Structure formats: structure tokens, C-alpha cells
């Protein structure tokens, strides 16, 4: 059983028999992720992995959005860089979200992401760590981090596994947003719904079908599929966290965050180069 759910500040867990619904619950910020929220997510996923009464996990955002990625206000408020070559404390802090994604990706239960509205950065990554995704046509996916001066470090390996290198390279380099229909065509989501009623109807039918499956067989099937990819993700995440922090320490990232919040163009965009 999942315990201490009431202790989460920005997550809400709701149980309905063998189904656990995990809601990202920071609607005033489109469920944007702080470090504290990332820690809560990892704890919740690890607790769910041990929950023998849970057979289906539904991941969803409150307030009409899935997750708007990392909270830039929180990212801008970082400690100074260490001196004398000491290890940078930001590296393990950002690497932790990779552990949260690995925990979600490795859950033995069937996992369903319900994506409405914003699903960028970390939200995009979490959706790609779920077994199946139900899309509202208003969903918006993207990797906008390069616009601000850094990278989606812990997210990209899971997106590559979902949709392949080519589409991921396009999204990572252009930083463009795609809608629910394009996400469906790329294989990010399996179901595309045109309205809220259709979304709920599709989700109910999917969960009913998942509950007809034998839980140990589901877990074994997931392990088999993931074993076939042949990629060791943790070393990639380690290197990506170091790269991310190196970029965040550059003045360009501070300027990018500042201009993004002010809804103005950063220098590299304003002068065209």
C-alpha cells in the first residue's frame, strides 16, 4: 500500500480499488516541477512499485495541464558555483529527476498518462515513461529548453526510446511545440480524443481492459520489452546532468530565464545570431 500520501505537498494520490491515480497538483504553475516535487515523484513511484494492491497507475495533471516542465523561478535561484574544482552540488540535484523517471519507467504495473494542455520538458519525459498515453487534442509537447539556454538533460533518453532518434533530434534542435495530433502521429500517444468526454470515456475503457490482464504477466512483458532496447540509460543521465549544470552556470542561461519571464527575446534571438 502507498503510505504517507498526505505528506506530499504537490502530488495527490487517489485509489479506486486496484487503480491508483497520481495527480500532479500545482495547477497555478501548470504543474511545473520544483526539485522538492521531483523528490516527491520519485518517492511516490518507488512506493507504488511495492504496492501489491495496485495494478494500474494513472498519471495526470490537475487544472487542465499535464506538466509545464521545470519551474524556471526555482531554476534561477541556484547556489553559487563551487570553487577550487569541488563537485558541483547542482549535478546530483538535477540527476535526481532521472532517478524519478527511471522509477516511473520501471513500475511493474500498467501505467497510463493522460495528457491535456502543456506537456513540455519534464512533462514530455514522464509521458514517454508510461506504457500508454491518452491524448487530448489540446496537448502541447516540446523541448523548449534551448530557447532559454540549457538542455532537457534527464528527459531525452526516454523520448528517444519512445519515438526514435530522428523525431527527437528535430524537436530538441528546433524547440518547437507539437499538438496532440502530431504527438499521436509520432507515437507519443496511442489514443487521441477531441473533447473531455471522449478523453474520460477512452480512459475508462482502457483501464477496464488493463484490469483484465494478469499482473505478473504484465510486469514480465514490460521487462522483456525494455530488455530488448539494449541501452544503459543511467550513464547517459549522469553525463547529461553534468552538461545541464555546466550550461546553467553560463551567463546565457541566466539571461535566457530572465528574458523568458519578461516575455522578451534573449540576445541570441533578438539579433538573429
Protein backbone atom coordinates (compact mmCIF):
# COMPACT_ATOMS: atom_id res chain seq x y z
CA UNK A 1 0.00 0.00 0.00
CA UNK A 2 1.17 3.56 -0.71
CA UNK A 3 1.71 5.30 2.60
CA UNK A 4 2.02 8.91 3.70
CA UNK A 5 0.31 10.25 0.58
CA UNK A 6 -0.97 13.18 2.64
CA UNK A 7 2.63 14.27 3.22
CA UNK A 8 3.07 15.25 -0.44
CA UNK A 9 2.85 18.99 -1.00
CA UNK A 10 2.22 18.91 -4.75
CA UNK A 11 1.01 15.40 -5.53
CA UNK A 12 -2.38 13.85 -4.91
CA UNK A 13 -2.96 10.10 -4.86
CA UNK A 14 -6.45 8.68 -5.25
CA UNK A 15 -7.20 4.97 -5.01
CA UNK A 16 -10.12 3.24 -6.66
CA UNK A 17 -9.73 -0.47 -5.99
CA UNK A 18 -6.67 -1.68 -7.90
CA UNK A 19 -6.27 1.66 -9.72
CA UNK A 20 -4.14 4.47 -8.28
CA UNK A 21 -4.44 7.92 -9.80
CA UNK A 22 -1.41 10.13 -9.23
CA UNK A 23 -2.16 13.78 -9.92
CA UNK A 24 0.48 16.46 -10.29
CA UNK A 25 -1.15 19.15 -8.18
CA UNK A 26 0.39 22.54 -8.74
CA UNK A 27 -2.19 23.98 -11.12
CA UNK A 28 -1.26 27.61 -10.50
CA UNK A 29 2.06 26.87 -12.25
CA UNK A 30 0.71 24.38 -14.82
CA UNK A 31 2.22 21.67 -12.59
CA UNK A 32 5.76 22.89 -13.27
CA UNK A 33 8.38 20.89 -11.40
CA UNK A 34 10.43 22.10 -8.47
CA UNK A 35 13.21 19.97 -7.01
CA UNK A 36 11.01 19.19 -3.98
CA UNK A 37 8.28 17.98 -6.34
CA UNK A 38 10.76 15.78 -8.22
CA UNK A 39 11.74 14.17 -4.92
CA UNK A 40 8.07 13.59 -4.13
CA UNK A 41 7.58 11.94 -7.52
CA UNK A 42 10.50 9.58 -7.04
CA UNK A 43 9.22 8.64 -3.58
CA UNK A 44 5.70 8.05 -4.91
CA UNK A 45 6.89 5.91 -7.83
CA UNK A 46 9.11 3.79 -5.60
CA UNK A 47 6.25 3.31 -3.13
CA UNK A 48 3.89 2.31 -5.94
CA UNK A 49 6.40 -0.27 -7.16
CA UNK A 50 5.99 -2.07 -3.81
CA UNK A 51 2.19 -1.70 -3.69
CA UNK A 52 0.85 -5.20 -4.36
CA UNK A 53 -2.76 -3.97 -4.32
CA UNK A 54 -2.15 -1.60 -7.24
CA UNK A 55 -2.48 -2.94 -10.78
CA UNK A 56 -2.87 0.25 -12.83
CA UNK A 57 -1.27 3.67 -12.29
CA UNK A 58 -2.86 6.69 -13.99
CA UNK A 59 -0.62 9.78 -14.13
CA UNK A 60 -2.33 13.08 -14.80
CA UNK A 61 -2.04 16.81 -14.14
CA UNK A 62 -4.60 18.96 -12.35
CA UNK A 63 -6.07 22.17 -13.72
CA UNK A 64 -6.16 21.18 -17.39
CA UNK A 65 -2.40 20.78 -17.89
CA UNK A 66 -0.14 17.77 -17.58
CA UNK A 67 3.21 19.36 -16.67
CA UNK A 68 4.96 22.51 -17.89
CA UNK A 69 8.46 21.15 -17.27
CA UNK A 70 10.90 22.61 -14.79
CA UNK A 71 9.91 25.71 -12.83
CA UNK A 72 12.19 28.46 -14.13
CA UNK A 73 11.80 30.52 -10.96
CA UNK A 74 13.21 27.61 -8.98
CA UNK A 75 15.96 27.01 -11.54
CA UNK A 76 17.07 30.64 -11.48
CA UNK A 77 17.52 30.52 -7.69
CA UNK A 78 20.65 28.38 -7.54
CA UNK A 79 23.67 28.38 -5.25
CA UNK A 80 26.96 29.85 -6.47
CA UNK A 81 29.37 27.66 -8.37
CA UNK A 82 31.84 25.80 -6.15
CA UNK A 83 35.47 26.89 -6.06
CA UNK A 84 38.76 25.01 -6.48
CA UNK A 85 37.25 22.29 -8.65
CA UNK A 86 34.91 20.98 -5.95
CA UNK A 87 31.96 18.86 -7.16
CA UNK A 88 29.02 20.99 -8.19
CA UNK A 89 26.06 20.38 -5.82
CA UNK A 90 23.62 21.05 -8.64
CA UNK A 91 24.65 17.93 -10.56
CA UNK A 92 23.12 15.35 -8.17
CA UNK A 93 20.11 17.64 -7.67
CA UNK A 94 19.28 17.60 -11.39
CA UNK A 95 20.36 13.99 -11.84
CA UNK A 96 17.73 13.01 -9.24
CA UNK A 97 14.92 13.64 -11.73
CA UNK A 98 16.48 10.95 -13.91
CA UNK A 99 16.08 8.54 -10.99
CA UNK A 100 12.43 9.57 -10.71
CA UNK A 101 11.93 8.86 -14.42
CA UNK A 102 13.70 5.51 -14.12
CA UNK A 103 11.39 4.63 -11.23
CA UNK A 104 8.31 5.54 -13.29
CA UNK A 105 9.65 3.75 -16.36
CA UNK A 106 10.30 0.59 -14.33
CA UNK A 107 6.99 0.34 -12.47
CA UNK A 108 5.70 -3.24 -12.66
CA UNK A 109 2.10 -2.08 -13.02
CA UNK A 110 0.48 -0.92 -16.23
CA UNK A 111 0.92 2.86 -16.44
CA UNK A 112 -1.26 5.35 -18.28
CA UNK A 113 -0.50 9.04 -18.81
CA UNK A 114 -3.47 11.31 -19.51
CA UNK A 115 -2.12 14.38 -21.27
CA UNK A 116 -4.03 17.61 -21.59
CA UNK A 117 -2.56 21.04 -22.24
CA UNK A 118 1.12 21.60 -21.59
CA UNK A 119 3.46 18.60 -21.59
CA UNK A 120 6.89 20.08 -22.19
CA UNK A 121 10.32 19.22 -20.82
CA UNK A 122 9.86 17.01 -17.78
CA UNK A 123 6.19 16.52 -18.61
CA UNK A 124 7.12 15.19 -22.04
CA UNK A 125 9.61 12.83 -20.39
CA UNK A 126 7.12 11.48 -17.88
CA UNK A 127 4.57 10.78 -20.60
CA UNK A 128 7.20 8.78 -22.53
CA UNK A 129 7.94 6.72 -19.41
CA UNK A 130 4.35 5.45 -19.29
CA UNK A 131 3.17 2.33 -21.09
CA UNK A 132 0.36 4.06 -22.92
CA UNK A 133 -0.72 7.67 -23.33
CA UNK A 134 -4.19 9.11 -23.81
CA UNK A 135 -4.01 12.47 -25.58
CA UNK A 136 -6.41 15.38 -25.65
CA UNK A 137 -6.12 17.21 -28.95
CA UNK A 138 -5.16 20.34 -26.99
CA UNK A 139 -1.99 18.65 -25.68
CA UNK A 140 1.23 20.51 -26.45
CA UNK A 141 4.57 18.71 -26.37
CA UNK A 142 8.01 20.22 -26.78
CA UNK A 143 11.58 20.59 -25.61
CA UNK A 144 11.86 24.39 -25.25
CA UNK A 145 14.97 24.38 -23.04
CA UNK A 146 17.43 25.55 -25.76
CA UNK A 147 15.36 28.73 -26.13
CA UNK A 148 16.37 29.60 -22.57
CA UNK A 149 19.97 28.42 -22.80
CA UNK A 150 20.08 24.86 -21.45
CA UNK A 151 19.02 21.29 -22.30
CA UNK A 152 16.34 18.71 -21.38
CA UNK A 153 19.03 16.56 -19.79
CA UNK A 154 17.20 13.76 -17.99
CA UNK A 155 14.34 13.52 -20.45
CA UNK A 156 15.78 12.89 -23.90
CA UNK A 157 16.79 9.20 -23.47
CA UNK A 158 13.20 8.26 -22.69
CA UNK A 159 11.85 10.25 -25.63
CA UNK A 160 14.36 8.62 -27.99
CA UNK A 161 13.16 5.23 -26.78
CA UNK A 162 9.58 6.26 -27.46
CA UNK A 163 9.73 7.91 -30.88
CA UNK A 164 13.28 7.32 -32.17
CA UNK A 165 16.31 9.46 -32.81
CA UNK A 166 15.10 11.39 -35.86
CA UNK A 167 11.93 12.95 -34.44
CA UNK A 168 13.67 13.60 -31.11
CA UNK A 169 16.56 15.40 -32.83
CA UNK A 170 14.07 17.58 -34.69
CA UNK A 171 12.21 18.51 -31.51
CA UNK A 172 15.39 19.04 -29.45
CA UNK A 173 17.08 21.26 -32.03
CA UNK A 174 14.06 23.30 -33.18
CA UNK A 175 12.44 23.59 -29.71
CA UNK A 176 9.09 23.72 -31.50
CA UNK A 177 5.80 22.73 -29.92
CA UNK A 178 3.65 20.00 -31.43
CA UNK A 179 -0.05 19.44 -30.88
CA UNK A 180 -1.91 16.33 -29.84
CA UNK A 181 -2.49 15.22 -33.42
CA UNK A 182 1.22 15.31 -34.27
CA UNK A 183 2.07 13.61 -30.97
CA UNK A 184 -0.34 10.85 -31.97
CA UNK A 185 1.30 10.50 -35.40
CA UNK A 186 4.75 10.30 -33.83
CA UNK A 187 3.65 7.55 -31.46
CA UNK A 188 3.89 9.54 -28.24
CA UNK A 189 0.27 8.70 -27.56
CA UNK A 190 -1.90 5.74 -28.52
CA UNK A 191 -5.31 7.41 -28.19
CA UNK A 192 -6.33 10.87 -29.45
CA UNK A 193 -9.51 12.46 -28.09
CA UNK A 194 -11.28 15.55 -29.31
CA UNK A 195 -13.03 16.57 -26.11
CA UNK A 196 -13.14 15.98 -22.37
CA UNK A 197 -15.99 13.48 -22.57
CA UNK A 198 -14.14 11.38 -25.13
CA UNK A 199 -10.99 11.52 -23.02
CA UNK A 200 -12.80 10.19 -19.94
CA UNK A 201 -14.61 7.54 -21.94
CA UNK A 202 -11.36 6.33 -23.52
CA UNK A 203 -9.59 6.27 -20.16
CA UNK A 204 -12.36 4.22 -18.54
CA UNK A 205 -12.34 1.68 -21.35
CA UNK A 206 -8.56 1.41 -21.29
CA UNK A 207 -8.40 0.90 -17.52
CA UNK A 208 -11.16 -1.72 -17.70
CA UNK A 209 -9.16 -3.61 -20.32
CA UNK A 210 -5.93 -3.39 -18.28
CA UNK A 211 -7.65 -4.82 -15.22
CA UNK A 212 -8.47 -7.96 -17.22
CA UNK A 213 -4.75 -8.78 -17.53
CA UNK A 214 -2.77 -10.94 -15.11
CA UNK A 215 -0.48 -8.58 -13.12
CA UNK A 216 2.65 -10.78 -13.09
CA UNK A 217 2.38 -11.30 -16.84
CA UNK A 218 2.09 -7.54 -17.36
CA UNK A 219 5.24 -6.93 -15.29
CA UNK A 220 7.14 -9.66 -17.14
CA UNK A 221 6.05 -8.32 -20.53
CA UNK A 222 7.30 -4.85 -19.61
CA UNK A 223 10.67 -6.22 -18.50
CA UNK A 224 11.02 -8.15 -21.75
CA UNK A 225 10.23 -5.14 -23.93
CA UNK A 226 12.70 -2.91 -22.09
CA UNK A 227 15.41 -5.58 -22.20
CA UNK A 228 15.22 -5.52 -25.98
CA UNK A 229 16.35 -1.89 -26.31
CA UNK A 230 19.92 -2.67 -25.27
CA UNK A 231 20.71 0.81 -23.93
CA UNK A 232 22.10 1.51 -20.47
CA UNK A 233 20.37 4.78 -19.56
CA UNK A 234 21.95 5.75 -16.18
CA UNK A 235 25.41 6.64 -17.59
CA UNK A 236 23.72 8.83 -20.21
CA UNK A 237 21.74 10.58 -17.48
CA UNK A 238 24.92 11.11 -15.43
CA UNK A 239 26.68 12.85 -18.31
CA UNK A 240 23.54 14.83 -19.19
CA UNK A 241 23.20 16.18 -15.66
CA UNK A 242 26.80 17.45 -15.77
CA UNK A 243 26.17 19.05 -19.15
CA UNK A 244 22.98 20.71 -17.93
CA UNK A 245 24.64 22.23 -14.87
CA UNK A 246 27.54 23.48 -16.99
CA UNK A 247 25.03 25.32 -19.18
CA UNK A 248 23.05 26.65 -16.22
CA UNK A 249 26.26 28.14 -14.82
CA UNK A 250 26.81 30.18 -18.00
CA UNK A 251 25.51 33.77 -18.15
CA UNK A 252 23.46 32.90 -21.22
CA UNK A 253 21.14 30.67 -19.18
CA UNK A 254 20.56 33.38 -16.58
CA UNK A 255 19.76 35.81 -19.39
CA UNK A 256 17.51 33.27 -21.09
CA UNK A 257 15.48 32.69 -17.94
CA UNK A 258 15.23 36.42 -17.29
CA UNK A 259 14.03 37.20 -20.81
CA UNK A 260 11.62 34.25 -20.84
CA UNK A 261 9.94 35.51 -17.68
CA UNK A 262 9.82 39.04 -19.10
CA UNK A 263 8.38 37.68 -22.39
CA UNK A 264 11.21 39.34 -24.30
CA UNK A 265 13.81 37.98 -26.70
CA UNK A 266 17.22 36.97 -25.34
CA UNK A 267 20.29 38.44 -27.07
CA UNK A 268 20.91 35.44 -29.32
CA UNK A 269 17.33 35.62 -30.64
CA UNK A 270 17.00 39.40 -30.76
CA UNK A 271 19.97 39.90 -33.08
CA UNK A 272 19.42 36.79 -35.15
CA UNK A 273 22.68 35.19 -34.18
